[in-house]
Amino acid sequence: MRIGELAQRSGASPRALRYYEQHGLIRARRSTNGYREYDEADVRLVAEIRSLIAVGFTLEDARPFVECLRSGHESGGSCPESVVVYRRKLADIDAEIRSLLARRSEVAAQLAQACPGCLFTRGEP
């Protein structure tokens, strides 16, 4: 299939597909007229890449998942290399949460100092 069809079927823009190709995550063959040609399997690869990016993974993080799918696994997350990336990402998220909680606590303390009688409830502007 050509890049337009892959874009339509995967929900990725042609520009994103070329970017993924540039980074070695998907591979296009060139037809005699120079057009990029993709396989049916690339639809699944692009879906995997997009789902990972949507939750904060980088393209480099996506690489083991793509390789796992290419090696014939049903899920990109079922290979040991992918599990390592999942664990690292969870640790990063946990560190971000701790940092945000510390910052929130500091801002709440500053609010309490600036406005001693003010009540603050979560979600209130």
Protein backbone atom coordinates (compact mmCIF):
# COMPACT_ATOMS: atom_id res chain seq x y z
CA MET A 1 0.00 0.00 0.00
CA ARG A 2 1.15 3.55 -0.59
CA ILE A 3 1.73 6.17 2.08
CA GLY A 4 -1.70 7.78 1.69
CA GLU A 5 -3.49 4.51 2.34
CA LEU A 6 -1.28 3.70 5.33
CA ALA A 7 -1.95 7.19 6.68
CA GLN A 8 -5.69 6.74 6.27
CA ARG A 9 -5.76 3.27 7.80
CA SER A 10 -3.44 4.07 10.70
CA GLY A 11 -4.61 7.57 11.53
CA ALA A 12 -1.07 8.93 11.20
CA SER A 13 -0.20 11.72 8.82
CA PRO A 14 2.07 11.01 5.86
CA ARG A 15 4.58 13.34 7.48
CA ALA A 16 4.54 11.25 10.69
CA LEU A 17 4.99 8.07 8.64
CA ARG A 18 8.02 9.52 6.89
CA TYR A 19 9.36 10.55 10.31
CA TYR A 20 8.88 7.02 11.68
CA GLU A 21 10.63 5.70 8.59
CA GLN A 22 13.48 8.17 9.02
CA HIS A 23 13.97 6.83 12.55
CA GLY A 24 13.91 3.22 11.37
CA LEU A 25 10.64 2.22 13.04
CA ILE A 26 8.88 1.37 9.80
CA ARG A 27 10.44 0.40 6.48
CA ALA A 28 9.11 1.28 3.06
CA ARG A 29 10.10 -0.32 -0.17
CA ARG A 30 10.31 1.87 -3.24
CA SER A 31 8.28 0.99 -6.29
CA THR A 32 9.74 1.49 -9.76
CA ASN A 33 8.20 4.95 -9.90
CA GLY A 34 9.77 5.89 -6.54
CA TYR A 35 6.63 5.73 -4.42
CA ARG A 36 6.87 4.30 -0.92
CA GLU A 37 5.20 0.91 -0.54
CA TYR A 38 4.21 -0.50 2.83
CA ASP A 39 3.05 -3.92 4.01
CA GLU A 40 -0.13 -4.78 5.86
CA ALA A 41 1.98 -5.37 8.99
CA ASP A 42 2.96 -1.70 8.99
CA VAL A 43 -0.60 -0.75 9.97
CA ARG A 44 -0.10 -2.64 13.24
CA LEU A 45 3.38 -1.18 13.75
CA VAL A 46 2.11 2.37 13.30
CA ALA A 47 -0.79 1.70 15.68
CA GLU A 48 1.69 0.47 18.30
CA ILE A 49 3.94 3.51 17.81
CA ARG A 50 1.01 5.92 18.04
CA SER A 51 -0.44 4.29 21.16
CA LEU A 52 2.94 4.48 22.91
CA ILE A 53 3.52 8.10 21.92
CA ALA A 54 0.01 8.98 23.12
CA VAL A 55 0.92 7.94 26.68
CA GLY A 56 4.29 9.67 26.73
CA PHE A 57 6.79 7.24 25.26
CA THR A 58 9.45 8.54 22.88
CA LEU A 59 10.17 7.10 19.46
CA GLU A 60 13.29 5.48 20.87
CA ASP A 61 11.18 3.93 23.65
CA ALA A 62 8.90 2.49 20.94
CA ARG A 63 11.73 0.66 19.19
CA PRO A 64 11.68 -2.56 21.32
CA PHE A 65 7.90 -2.79 20.95
CA VAL A 66 8.17 -2.50 17.16
CA GLU A 67 10.95 -5.09 17.06
CA CYS A 68 8.86 -7.40 19.24
CA LEU A 69 5.97 -7.19 16.78
CA ARG A 70 8.32 -7.68 13.83
CA SER A 71 9.66 -10.85 15.41
CA GLY A 72 6.17 -12.34 15.31
CA HIS A 73 4.79 -11.66 18.78
CA GLU A 74 1.11 -10.80 19.09
CA SER A 75 1.82 -7.89 21.42
CA GLY A 76 4.66 -5.39 21.24
CA GLY A 77 4.86 -5.45 25.02
CA SER A 78 5.43 -9.17 25.39
CA CYS A 79 9.21 -9.17 24.86
CA PRO A 80 11.68 -8.69 27.73
CA GLU A 81 13.13 -5.53 26.14
CA SER A 82 9.67 -3.97 26.05
CA VAL A 83 9.04 -4.86 29.69
CA VAL A 84 12.26 -3.03 30.62
CA VAL A 85 10.95 0.07 28.85
CA TYR A 86 7.55 -0.25 30.57
CA ARG A 87 9.25 -0.48 33.97
CA ARG A 88 11.50 2.48 33.25
CA LYS A 89 8.54 4.58 32.10
CA LEU A 90 6.56 3.69 35.23
CA ALA A 91 9.53 4.70 37.40
CA ASP A 92 9.75 8.00 35.50
CA ILE A 93 6.03 8.63 35.99
CA ASP A 94 6.28 7.80 39.69
CA ALA A 95 9.15 10.29 40.02
CA GLU A 96 7.10 12.95 38.24
CA ILE A 97 4.16 12.30 40.56
CA ARG A 98 6.41 12.67 43.63
CA SER A 99 7.79 15.92 42.23
CA LEU A 100 4.32 17.27 41.48
CA LEU A 101 3.10 16.36 44.96
CA ALA A 102 6.07 18.14 46.52
CA ARG A 103 5.42 21.22 44.38
CA ARG A 104 1.73 21.12 45.25
CA SER A 105 2.53 20.93 48.91
CA GLU A 106 4.84 23.95 48.61
CA VAL A 107 2.22 25.99 46.75
CA ALA A 108 -0.43 25.04 49.32
CA ALA A 109 1.93 26.16 52.11
CA GLN A 110 2.52 29.48 50.33
CA LEU A 111 -1.25 29.93 49.92
CA ALA A 112 -1.81 29.20 53.61
CA GLN A 113 0.84 31.78 54.50
CA ALA A 114 -0.56 34.40 52.12
CA CYS A 115 -4.17 33.84 53.10
CA PRO A 116 -4.32 32.29 56.58
CA GLY A 117 -8.11 31.98 56.73
CA CYS A 118 -8.62 30.80 53.16
CA LEU A 119 -10.02 27.36 52.58
CA PHE A 120 -8.81 25.44 49.59
CA THR A 121 -10.46 22.41 48.10
CA ARG A 122 -9.04 20.27 45.32
CA GLY A 123 -10.00 21.38 41.84
CA GLU A 124 -10.92 24.88 42.99
CA PRO A 125 -9.37 27.72 41.00
